All heavy atoms as atom14 arrays in JSON, in Angstrom:
{
  "sequence": "LLVAWLTNSPTVTLELNANVLTFTNKNSELLVFFMAGWTKYALEN",
  "atom14_mask": [
    [1, 1, 1, 1, 1, 1, 1, 1, 0, 0, 0, 0, 0, 0],
    [1, 1, 1, 1, 1, 1, 1, 1, 0, 0, 0, 0, 0, 0],
    [1, 1, 1, 1, 1, 1, 1, 0, 0, 0, 0, 0, 0, 0],
    [1, 1, 1, 1, 1, 0, 0, 0, 0, 0, 0, 0, 0, 0],
    [1, 1, 1, 1, 1, 1, 1, 1, 1, 1, 1, 1, 1, 1],
    [1, 1, 1, 1, 1, 1, 1, 1, 0, 0, 0, 0, 0, 0],
    [1, 1, 1, 1, 1, 1, 1, 0, 0, 0, 0, 0, 0, 0],
    [1, 1, 1, 1, 1, 1, 1, 1, 0, 0, 0, 0, 0, 0],
    [1, 1, 1, 1, 1, 1, 0, 0, 0, 0, 0, 0, 0, 0],
    [1, 1, 1, 1, 1, 1, 1, 0, 0, 0, 0, 0, 0, 0],
    [1, 1, 1, 1, 1, 1, 1, 0, 0, 0, 0, 0, 0, 0],
    [1, 1, 1, 1, 1, 1, 1, 0, 0, 0, 0, 0, 0, 0],
    [1, 1, 1, 1, 1, 1, 1, 0, 0, 0, 0, 0, 0, 0],
    [1, 1, 1, 1, 1, 1, 1, 1, 0, 0, 0, 0, 0, 0],
    [1, 1, 1, 1, 1, 1, 1, 1, 1, 0, 0, 0, 0, 0],
    [1, 1, 1, 1, 1, 1, 1, 1, 0, 0, 0, 0, 0, 0],
    [1, 1, 1, 1, 1, 1, 1, 1, 0, 0, 0, 0, 0, 0],
    [1, 1, 1, 1, 1, 0, 0, 0, 0, 0, 0, 0, 0, 0],
    [1, 1, 1, 1, 1, 1, 1, 1, 0, 0, 0, 0, 0, 0],
    [1, 1, 1, 1, 1, 1, 1, 0, 0, 0, 0, 0, 0, 0],
    [1, 1, 1, 1, 1, 1, 1, 1, 0, 0, 0, 0, 0, 0],
    [1, 1, 1, 1, 1, 1, 1, 0, 0, 0, 0, 0, 0, 0],
    [1, 1, 1, 1, 1, 1, 1, 1, 1, 1, 1, 0, 0, 0],
    [1, 1, 1, 1, 1, 1, 1, 0, 0, 0, 0, 0, 0, 0],
    [1, 1, 1, 1, 1, 1, 1, 1, 0, 0, 0, 0, 0, 0],
    [1, 1, 1, 1, 1, 1, 1, 1, 1, 0, 0, 0, 0, 0],
    [1, 1, 1, 1, 1, 1, 1, 1, 0, 0, 0, 0, 0, 0],
    [1, 1, 1, 1, 1, 1, 0, 0, 0, 0, 0, 0, 0, 0],
    [1, 1, 1, 1, 1, 1, 1, 1, 1, 0, 0, 0, 0, 0],
    [1, 1, 1, 1, 1, 1, 1, 1, 0, 0, 0, 0, 0, 0],
    [1, 1, 1, 1, 1, 1, 1, 1, 0, 0, 0, 0, 0, 0],
    [1, 1, 1, 1, 1, 1, 1, 0, 0, 0, 0, 0, 0, 0],
    [1, 1, 1, 1, 1, 1, 1, 1, 1, 1, 1, 0, 0, 0],
    [1, 1, 1, 1, 1, 1, 1, 1, 1, 1, 1, 0, 0, 0],
    [1, 1, 1, 1, 1, 1, 1, 1, 0, 0, 0, 0, 0, 0],
    [1, 1, 1, 1, 1, 0, 0, 0, 0, 0, 0, 0, 0, 0],
    [1, 1, 1, 1, 0, 0, 0, 0, 0, 0, 0, 0, 0, 0],
    [1, 1, 1, 1, 1, 1, 1, 1, 1, 1, 1, 1, 1, 1],
    [1, 1, 1, 1, 1, 1, 1, 0, 0, 0, 0, 0, 0, 0],
    [1, 1, 1, 1, 1, 1, 1, 1, 1, 0, 0, 0, 0, 0],
    [1, 1, 1, 1, 1, 1, 1, 1, 1, 1, 1, 1, 0, 0],
    [1, 1, 1, 1, 1, 0, 0, 0, 0, 0, 0, 0, 0, 0],
    [1, 1, 1, 1, 1, 1, 1, 1, 0, 0, 0, 0, 0, 0],
    [1, 1, 1, 1, 1, 1, 1, 1, 1, 0, 0, 0, 0, 0],
    [1, 1, 1, 1, 1, 1, 1, 1, 0, 0, 0, 0, 0, 0]
  ],
  "atom14_positions": [
    [[38.17, -196.16, -113.16], [38.29, -197.61, -113.02], [39.54, -198.14, -113.71], [40.25, -198.99, -113.16], [37.04, -198.3, -113.56], [35.8, -198.18, -112.7], [34.55, -198.58, -113.48], [35.95, -199.05, -111.45], [0.0, 0.0, 0.0], [0.0, 0.0, 0.0], [0.0, 0.0, 0.0], [0.0, 0.0, 0.0], [0.0, 0.0, 0.0], [0.0, 0.0, 0.0]],
    [[39.83, -197.64, -114.9], [41.0, -198.1, -115.63], [42.29, -197.73, -114.89], [43.19, -198.56, -114.73], [41.02, -197.52, -117.04], [42.2, -197.95, -117.93], [42.21, -199.46, -118.13], [42.15, -197.23, -119.26], [0.0, 0.0, 0.0], [0.0, 0.0, 0.0], [0.0, 0.0, 0.0], [0.0, 0.0, 0.0], [0.0, 0.0, 0.0], [0.0, 0.0, 0.0]],
    [[42.38, -196.5, -114.41], [43.58, -196.07, -113.67], [43.73, -196.88, -112.38], [44.83, -197.32, -112.03], [43.56, -194.55, -113.4], [44.67, -194.14, -112.44], [43.68, -193.79, -114.71], [0.0, 0.0, 0.0], [0.0, 0.0, 0.0], [0.0, 0.0, 0.0], [0.0, 0.0, 0.0], [0.0, 0.0, 0.0], [0.0, 0.0, 0.0], [0.0, 0.0, 0.0]],
    [[42.64, -197.13, -111.67], [42.7, -197.94, -110.46], [43.12, -199.37, -110.79], [43.92, -199.98, -110.07], [41.34, -197.94, -109.75], [0.0, 0.0, 0.0], [0.0, 0.0, 0.0], [0.0, 0.0, 0.0], [0.0, 0.0, 0.0], [0.0, 0.0, 0.0], [0.0, 0.0, 0.0], [0.0, 0.0, 0.0], [0.0, 0.0, 0.0], [0.0, 0.0, 0.0]],
    [[42.6, -199.9, -111.89], [42.98, -201.26, -112.32], [44.48, -201.3, -112.6], [45.19, -202.19, -112.14], [42.18, -201.67, -113.55], [42.32, -203.1, -113.92], [41.51, -204.13, -113.54], [43.34, -203.69, -114.76], [41.96, -205.32, -114.08], [43.08, -205.07, -114.83], [44.43, -203.19, -115.44], [43.88, -205.96, -115.56], [45.24, -204.06, -116.17], [44.95, -205.43, -116.23]],
    [[44.98, -200.31, -113.35], [46.4, -200.27, -113.7], [47.3, -200.09, -112.47], [48.35, -200.71, -112.37], [46.67, -199.11, -114.66], [46.26, -199.35, -116.08], [46.3, -198.06, -116.88], [47.17, -200.37, -116.71], [0.0, 0.0, 0.0], [0.0, 0.0, 0.0], [0.0, 0.0, 0.0], [0.0, 0.0, 0.0], [0.0, 0.0, 0.0], [0.0, 0.0, 0.0]],
    [[46.87, -199.25, -111.57], [47.65, -198.98, -110.37], [47.84, -200.24, -109.53], [48.89, -200.43, -108.92], [46.95, -197.89, -109.52], [46.82, -196.71, -110.33], [47.74, -197.55, -108.27], [0.0, 0.0, 0.0], [0.0, 0.0, 0.0], [0.0, 0.0, 0.0], [0.0, 0.0, 0.0], [0.0, 0.0, 0.0], [0.0, 0.0, 0.0], [0.0, 0.0, 0.0]],
    [[46.85, -201.09, -109.52], [46.88, -202.27, -108.67], [47.17, -203.58, -109.41], [47.27, -204.62, -108.79], [45.54, -202.39, -107.93], [45.33, -201.22, -107.0], [46.03, -201.08, -106.02], [44.39, -200.36, -107.34], [0.0, 0.0, 0.0], [0.0, 0.0, 0.0], [0.0, 0.0, 0.0], [0.0, 0.0, 0.0], [0.0, 0.0, 0.0], [0.0, 0.0, 0.0]],
    [[47.28, -203.53, -110.72], [47.45, -204.75, -111.51], [48.76, -205.47, -111.19], [49.83, -204.87, -111.23], [47.43, -204.43, -113.01], [47.74, -205.59, -113.75], [0.0, 0.0, 0.0], [0.0, 0.0, 0.0], [0.0, 0.0, 0.0], [0.0, 0.0, 0.0], [0.0, 0.0, 0.0], [0.0, 0.0, 0.0], [0.0, 0.0, 0.0], [0.0, 0.0, 0.0]],
    [[48.67, -206.77, -110.91], [49.88, -207.54, -110.68], [50.51, -208.05, -111.98], [51.58, -208.64, -111.96], [49.37, -208.72, -109.83], [47.97, -208.91, -110.28], [47.46, -207.53, -110.62], [0.0, 0.0, 0.0], [0.0, 0.0, 0.0], [0.0, 0.0, 0.0], [0.0, 0.0, 0.0], [0.0, 0.0, 0.0], [0.0, 0.0, 0.0], [0.0, 0.0, 0.0]],
    [[49.85, -207.8, -113.12], [50.32, -208.38, -114.38], [50.78, -207.35, -115.41], [51.57, -207.67, -116.29], [49.22, -209.25, -115.02], [48.05, -208.45, -115.19], [48.91, -210.46, -114.17], [0.0, 0.0, 0.0], [0.0, 0.0, 0.0], [0.0, 0.0, 0.0], [0.0, 0.0, 0.0], [0.0, 0.0, 0.0], [0.0, 0.0, 0.0], [0.0, 0.0, 0.0]],
    [[50.28, -206.13, -115.35], [50.61, -205.12, -116.34], [51.43, -204.01, -115.69], [51.04, -203.47, -114.65], [49.34, -204.52, -116.99], [49.69, -203.37, -117.93], [48.56, -205.59, -117.73], [0.0, 0.0, 0.0], [0.0, 0.0, 0.0], [0.0, 0.0, 0.0], [0.0, 0.0, 0.0], [0.0, 0.0, 0.0], [0.0, 0.0, 0.0], [0.0, 0.0, 0.0]],
    [[52.57, -203.7, -116.31], [53.46, -202.66, -115.81], [53.72, -201.66, -116.92], [54.05, -202.05, -118.04], [54.8, -203.27, -115.35], [54.55, -204.28, -114.38], [55.71, -202.22, -114.77], [0.0, 0.0, 0.0], [0.0, 0.0, 0.0], [0.0, 0.0, 0.0], [0.0, 0.0, 0.0], [0.0, 0.0, 0.0], [0.0, 0.0, 0.0], [0.0, 0.0, 0.0]],
    [[53.55, -200.39, -116.61], [53.81, -199.32, -117.57], [55.02, -198.52, -117.11], [55.27, -198.4, -115.92], [52.62, -198.37, -117.67], [51.24, -198.93, -117.88], [50.22, -197.81, -117.94], [51.17, -199.75, -119.14], [0.0, 0.0, 0.0], [0.0, 0.0, 0.0], [0.0, 0.0, 0.0], [0.0, 0.0, 0.0], [0.0, 0.0, 0.0], [0.0, 0.0, 0.0]],
    [[55.71, -197.94, -118.07], [56.8, -197.02, -117.75], [56.48, -195.69, -118.41], [56.37, -195.61, -119.63], [58.12, -197.56, -118.28], [59.31, -196.71, -117.88], [60.62, -197.3, -118.34], [60.86, -198.49, -118.07], [61.4, -196.56, -118.97], [0.0, 0.0, 0.0], [0.0, 0.0, 0.0], [0.0, 0.0, 0.0], [0.0, 0.0, 0.0], [0.0, 0.0, 0.0]],
    [[56.3, -194.67, -117.6], [55.97, -193.35, -118.13], [57.25, -192.55, -118.28], [57.94, -192.28, -117.29], [54.98, -192.64, -117.2], [53.67, -193.4, -116.93], [52.79, -192.61, -115.98], [52.94, -193.71, -118.22], [0.0, 0.0, 0.0], [0.0, 0.0, 0.0], [0.0, 0.0, 0.0], [0.0, 0.0, 0.0], [0.0, 0.0, 0.0], [0.0, 0.0, 0.0]],
    [[57.58, -192.19, -119.5], [58.8, -191.46, -119.81], [58.44, -190.02, -120.15], [57.68, -189.78, -121.1], [59.51, -192.15, -120.99], [60.82, -191.52, -121.34], [60.89, -190.33, -121.63], [61.88, -192.31, -121.31], [0.0, 0.0, 0.0], [0.0, 0.0, 0.0], [0.0, 0.0, 0.0], [0.0, 0.0, 0.0], [0.0, 0.0, 0.0], [0.0, 0.0, 0.0]],
    [[58.99, -189.08, -119.4], [58.66, -187.66, -119.59], [58.97, -187.17, -121.0], [58.26, -186.32, -121.54], [59.41, -186.81, -118.57], [0.0, 0.0, 0.0], [0.0, 0.0, 0.0], [0.0, 0.0, 0.0], [0.0, 0.0, 0.0], [0.0, 0.0, 0.0], [0.0, 0.0, 0.0], [0.0, 0.0, 0.0], [0.0, 0.0, 0.0], [0.0, 0.0, 0.0]],
    [[60.01, -187.71, -121.63], [60.37, -187.29, -122.99], [59.31, -187.71, -124.0], [59.12, -187.05, -125.02], [61.72, -187.87, -123.41], [62.85, -187.32, -122.56], [62.83, -186.16, -122.17], [63.82, -188.16, -122.27], [0.0, 0.0, 0.0], [0.0, 0.0, 0.0], [0.0, 0.0, 0.0], [0.0, 0.0, 0.0], [0.0, 0.0, 0.0], [0.0, 0.0, 0.0]],
    [[58.64, -188.81, -123.73], [57.59, -189.3, -124.63], [56.28, -188.58, -124.36], [55.52, -188.31, -125.28], [57.41, -190.84, -124.45], [56.2, -191.34, -125.21], [58.67, -191.58, -124.88], [0.0, 0.0, 0.0], [0.0, 0.0, 0.0], [0.0, 0.0, 0.0], [0.0, 0.0, 0.0], [0.0, 0.0, 0.0], [0.0, 0.0, 0.0], [0.0, 0.0, 0.0]],
    [[56.01, -188.25, -123.13], [54.7, -187.73, -122.73], [54.52, -186.23, -122.87], [53.56, -185.67, -122.34], [54.4, -188.15, -121.29], [54.23, -189.65, -121.09], [54.1, -189.98, -119.62], [53.04, -190.17, -121.87], [0.0, 0.0, 0.0], [0.0, 0.0, 0.0], [0.0, 0.0, 0.0], [0.0, 0.0, 0.0], [0.0, 0.0, 0.0], [0.0, 0.0, 0.0]],
    [[55.37, -185.56, -123.61], [55.24, -184.11, -123.76], [53.91, -183.71, -124.38], [53.43, -182.6, -124.16], [56.39, -183.54, -124.62], [56.37, -184.18, -125.9], [57.73, -183.75, -123.95], [0.0, 0.0, 0.0], [0.0, 0.0, 0.0], [0.0, 0.0, 0.0], [0.0, 0.0, 0.0], [0.0, 0.0, 0.0], [0.0, 0.0, 0.0], [0.0, 0.0, 0.0]],
    [[53.28, -184.6, -125.13], [52.01, -184.29, -125.79], [50.85, -184.21, -124.81], [49.75, -183.84, -125.18], [51.7, -185.33, -126.88], [51.49, -186.72, -126.36], [50.23, -187.13, -125.96], [52.55, -187.6, -126.26], [50.02, -188.41, -125.48], [52.35, -188.89, -125.78], [51.08, -189.29, -125.38], [0.0, 0.0, 0.0], [0.0, 0.0, 0.0], [0.0, 0.0, 0.0]],
    [[51.06, -184.55, -123.54], [49.98, -184.49, -122.55], [49.92, -183.15, -121.83], [49.01, -182.93, -121.04], [50.11, -185.62, -121.51], [51.33, -185.43, -120.77], [50.11, -186.99, -122.16], [0.0, 0.0, 0.0], [0.0, 0.0, 0.0], [0.0, 0.0, 0.0], [0.0, 0.0, 0.0], [0.0, 0.0, 0.0], [0.0, 0.0, 0.0], [0.0, 0.0, 0.0]],
    [[50.85, -182.26, -122.11], [50.88, -180.97, -121.4], [49.62, -180.15, -121.64], [49.08, -179.57, -120.69], [52.11, -180.16, -121.81], [53.4, -180.81, -121.33], [53.39, -181.68, -120.46], [54.51, -180.4, -121.92], [0.0, 0.0, 0.0], [0.0, 0.0, 0.0], [0.0, 0.0, 0.0], [0.0, 0.0, 0.0], [0.0, 0.0, 0.0], [0.0, 0.0, 0.0]],
    [[49.15, -180.08, -122.85], [48.0, -179.23, -123.17], [46.67, -179.96, -122.96], [45.67, -179.35, -122.63], [48.1, -178.74, -124.62], [47.18, -177.59, -124.93], [47.57, -176.91, -126.2], [46.8, -175.64, -126.39], [47.22, -174.92, -127.57], [0.0, 0.0, 0.0], [0.0, 0.0, 0.0], [0.0, 0.0, 0.0], [0.0, 0.0, 0.0], [0.0, 0.0, 0.0]],
    [[46.67, -181.28, -123.19], [45.47, -182.1, -123.03], [45.81, -183.26, -122.1], [46.15, -184.36, -122.56], [44.98, -182.62, -124.39], [44.43, -181.52, -125.27], [43.42, -180.91, -124.95], [45.12, -181.25, -126.37], [0.0, 0.0, 0.0], [0.0, 0.0, 0.0], [0.0, 0.0, 0.0], [0.0, 0.0, 0.0], [0.0, 0.0, 0.0], [0.0, 0.0, 0.0]],
    [[45.72, -183.01, -120.81], [46.15, -184.02, -119.83], [45.34, -185.32, -119.94], [45.81, -186.39, -119.54], [46.07, -183.46, -118.42], [44.75, -183.07, -118.1], [0.0, 0.0, 0.0], [0.0, 0.0, 0.0], [0.0, 0.0, 0.0], [0.0, 0.0, 0.0], [0.0, 0.0, 0.0], [0.0, 0.0, 0.0], [0.0, 0.0, 0.0], [0.0, 0.0, 0.0]],
    [[44.13, -185.25, -120.51], [43.31, -186.44, -120.69], [44.01, -187.49, -121.54], [43.75, -188.68, -121.42], [41.97, -186.11, -121.37], [41.15, -185.04, -120.7], [41.43, -183.64, -121.26], [42.58, -183.31, -121.62], [40.48, -182.86, -121.31], [0.0, 0.0, 0.0], [0.0, 0.0, 0.0], [0.0, 0.0, 0.0], [0.0, 0.0, 0.0], [0.0, 0.0, 0.0]],
    [[44.93, -187.04, -122.38], [45.62, -187.97, -123.28], [46.52, -188.95, -122.53], [46.85, -190.0, -123.05], [46.4, -187.21, -124.34], [45.54, -186.49, -125.37], [46.4, -185.66, -126.31], [44.67, -187.46, -126.15], [0.0, 0.0, 0.0], [0.0, 0.0, 0.0], [0.0, 0.0, 0.0], [0.0, 0.0, 0.0], [0.0, 0.0, 0.0], [0.0, 0.0, 0.0]],
    [[46.88, -188.62, -121.29], [47.68, -189.55, -120.49], [46.91, -190.84, -120.26], [47.48, -191.94, -120.34], [48.09, -188.91, -119.16], [48.91, -189.81, -118.23], [50.2, -190.27, -118.9], [49.21, -189.07, -116.93], [0.0, 0.0, 0.0], [0.0, 0.0, 0.0], [0.0, 0.0, 0.0], [0.0, 0.0, 0.0], [0.0, 0.0, 0.0], [0.0, 0.0, 0.0]],
    [[45.62, -190.75, -119.99], [44.8, -191.95, -119.79], [44.79, -192.8, -121.06], [44.9, -194.02, -121.0], [43.36, -191.59, -119.36], [42.48, -192.83, -119.31], [43.36, -190.9, -118.01], [0.0, 0.0, 0.0], [0.0, 0.0, 0.0], [0.0, 0.0, 0.0], [0.0, 0.0, 0.0], [0.0, 0.0, 0.0], [0.0, 0.0, 0.0], [0.0, 0.0, 0.0]],
    [[44.7, -192.13, -122.2], [44.68, -192.88, -123.46], [46.04, -193.5, -123.76], [46.11, -194.59, -124.31], [44.19, -191.99, -124.6], [42.75, -191.66, -124.45], [42.35, -190.48, -123.86], [41.79, -192.58, -124.83], [41.01, -190.2, -123.68], [40.45, -192.3, -124.65], [40.05, -191.12, -124.07], [0.0, 0.0, 0.0], [0.0, 0.0, 0.0], [0.0, 0.0, 0.0]],
    [[47.11, -192.82, -123.41], [48.45, -193.39, -123.54], [48.53, -194.67, -122.71], [48.96, -195.73, -123.19], [49.51, -192.38, -123.1], [50.9, -192.94, -123.09], [51.66, -192.95, -124.26], [51.46, -193.45, -121.94], [52.95, -193.47, -124.26], [52.74, -193.98, -121.92], [53.49, -193.99, -123.1], [0.0, 0.0, 0.0], [0.0, 0.0, 0.0], [0.0, 0.0, 0.0]],
    [[48.1, -194.58, -121.46], [48.14, -195.75, -120.58], [47.23, -196.86, -121.09], [47.55, -198.04, -121.0], [47.78, -195.35, -119.14], [48.81, -194.43, -118.52], [48.59, -194.08, -116.75], [46.95, -193.41, -116.69], [0.0, 0.0, 0.0], [0.0, 0.0, 0.0], [0.0, 0.0, 0.0], [0.0, 0.0, 0.0], [0.0, 0.0, 0.0], [0.0, 0.0, 0.0]],
    [[46.08, -196.48, -121.64], [45.14, -197.46, -122.19], [45.76, -198.21, -123.37], [45.67, -199.44, -123.46], [43.85, -196.77, -122.61], [0.0, 0.0, 0.0], [0.0, 0.0, 0.0], [0.0, 0.0, 0.0], [0.0, 0.0, 0.0], [0.0, 0.0, 0.0], [0.0, 0.0, 0.0], [0.0, 0.0, 0.0], [0.0, 0.0, 0.0], [0.0, 0.0, 0.0]],
    [[46.4, -197.46, -124.27], [47.01, -198.09, -125.43], [48.13, -199.05, -125.04], [48.25, -200.15, -125.58], [0.0, 0.0, 0.0], [0.0, 0.0, 0.0], [0.0, 0.0, 0.0], [0.0, 0.0, 0.0], [0.0, 0.0, 0.0], [0.0, 0.0, 0.0], [0.0, 0.0, 0.0], [0.0, 0.0, 0.0], [0.0, 0.0, 0.0], [0.0, 0.0, 0.0]],
    [[48.94, -198.63, -124.07], [50.03, -199.48, -123.59], [49.45, -200.74, -122.94], [49.92, -201.85, -123.16], [50.89, -198.71, -122.61], [52.13, -199.43, -122.14], [52.25, -200.76, -121.79], [53.42, -198.88, -121.98], [53.53, -201.04, -121.41], [54.27, -199.91, -121.52], [53.94, -197.61, -122.17], [55.63, -199.7, -121.24], [55.28, -197.4, -121.89], [56.12, -198.44, -121.43]],
    [[48.42, -200.56, -122.13], [47.78, -201.7, -121.45], [47.23, -202.69, -122.47], [47.41, -203.91, -122.32], [46.65, -201.2, -120.53], [47.22, -200.33, -119.56], [45.94, -202.35, -119.84], [0.0, 0.0, 0.0], [0.0, 0.0, 0.0], [0.0, 0.0, 0.0], [0.0, 0.0, 0.0], [0.0, 0.0, 0.0], [0.0, 0.0, 0.0], [0.0, 0.0, 0.0]],
    [[46.56, -202.18, -123.48], [46.02, -203.05, -124.53], [47.15, -203.84, -125.19], [47.03, -205.05, -125.38], [45.28, -202.2, -125.57], [44.63, -203.0, -126.67], [43.86, -202.08, -127.61], [43.22, -202.87, -128.73], [42.49, -201.98, -129.64], [0.0, 0.0, 0.0], [0.0, 0.0, 0.0], [0.0, 0.0, 0.0], [0.0, 0.0, 0.0], [0.0, 0.0, 0.0]],
    [[48.24, -203.16, -125.5], [49.39, -203.84, -126.1], [49.91, -204.94, -125.15], [50.15, -206.07, -125.58], [50.53, -202.85, -126.42], [51.75, -203.57, -126.89], [51.85, -204.01, -128.2], [52.8, -203.86, -126.01], [52.96, -204.72, -128.64], [53.9, -204.56, -126.43], [53.98, -205.0, -127.75], [55.07, -205.73, -128.16], [0.0, 0.0, 0.0], [0.0, 0.0, 0.0]],
    [[50.07, -204.6, -123.88], [50.6, -205.58, -122.91], [49.68, -206.79, -122.79], [50.15, -207.94, -122.78], [50.79, -204.91, -121.55], [0.0, 0.0, 0.0], [0.0, 0.0, 0.0], [0.0, 0.0, 0.0], [0.0, 0.0, 0.0], [0.0, 0.0, 0.0], [0.0, 0.0, 0.0], [0.0, 0.0, 0.0], [0.0, 0.0, 0.0], [0.0, 0.0, 0.0]],
    [[48.38, -206.55, -122.7], [47.44, -207.66, -122.56], [47.37, -208.54, -123.81], [47.17, -209.74, -123.72], [46.04, -207.13, -122.21], [45.91, -206.52, -120.82], [44.5, -205.95, -120.62], [46.23, -207.53, -119.72], [0.0, 0.0, 0.0], [0.0, 0.0, 0.0], [0.0, 0.0, 0.0], [0.0, 0.0, 0.0], [0.0, 0.0, 0.0], [0.0, 0.0, 0.0]],
    [[47.52, -207.92, -124.97], [47.45, -208.68, -126.22], [48.78, -209.34, -126.58], [48.86, -210.1, -127.54], [46.98, -207.78, -127.36], [45.53, -207.36, -127.19], [45.04, -206.39, -128.25], [45.88, -205.79, -128.98], [43.81, -206.23, -128.36], [0.0, 0.0, 0.0], [0.0, 0.0, 0.0], [0.0, 0.0, 0.0], [0.0, 0.0, 0.0], [0.0, 0.0, 0.0]],
    [[49.84, -209.05, -125.8], [51.17, -209.58, -126.1], [51.82, -210.2, -124.86], [52.97, -209.91, -124.53], [52.05, -208.47, -126.69], [51.6, -208.07, -128.06], [51.92, -208.73, -129.04], [50.8, -207.0, -128.14], [0.0, 0.0, 0.0], [0.0, 0.0, 0.0], [0.0, 0.0, 0.0], [0.0, 0.0, 0.0], [0.0, 0.0, 0.0], [0.0, 0.0, 0.0]]
  ]
}
């Protein structure tokens, strides 16, 4: 639901940078948490 919300959101935009996301290689689930944290920041700011 969160990924679908983000994919279609007209108000929140994320930029995924491969240099930053190297920590998701071993635990791909962490990508969702990265996006969640960014979304929370965007909504609160």
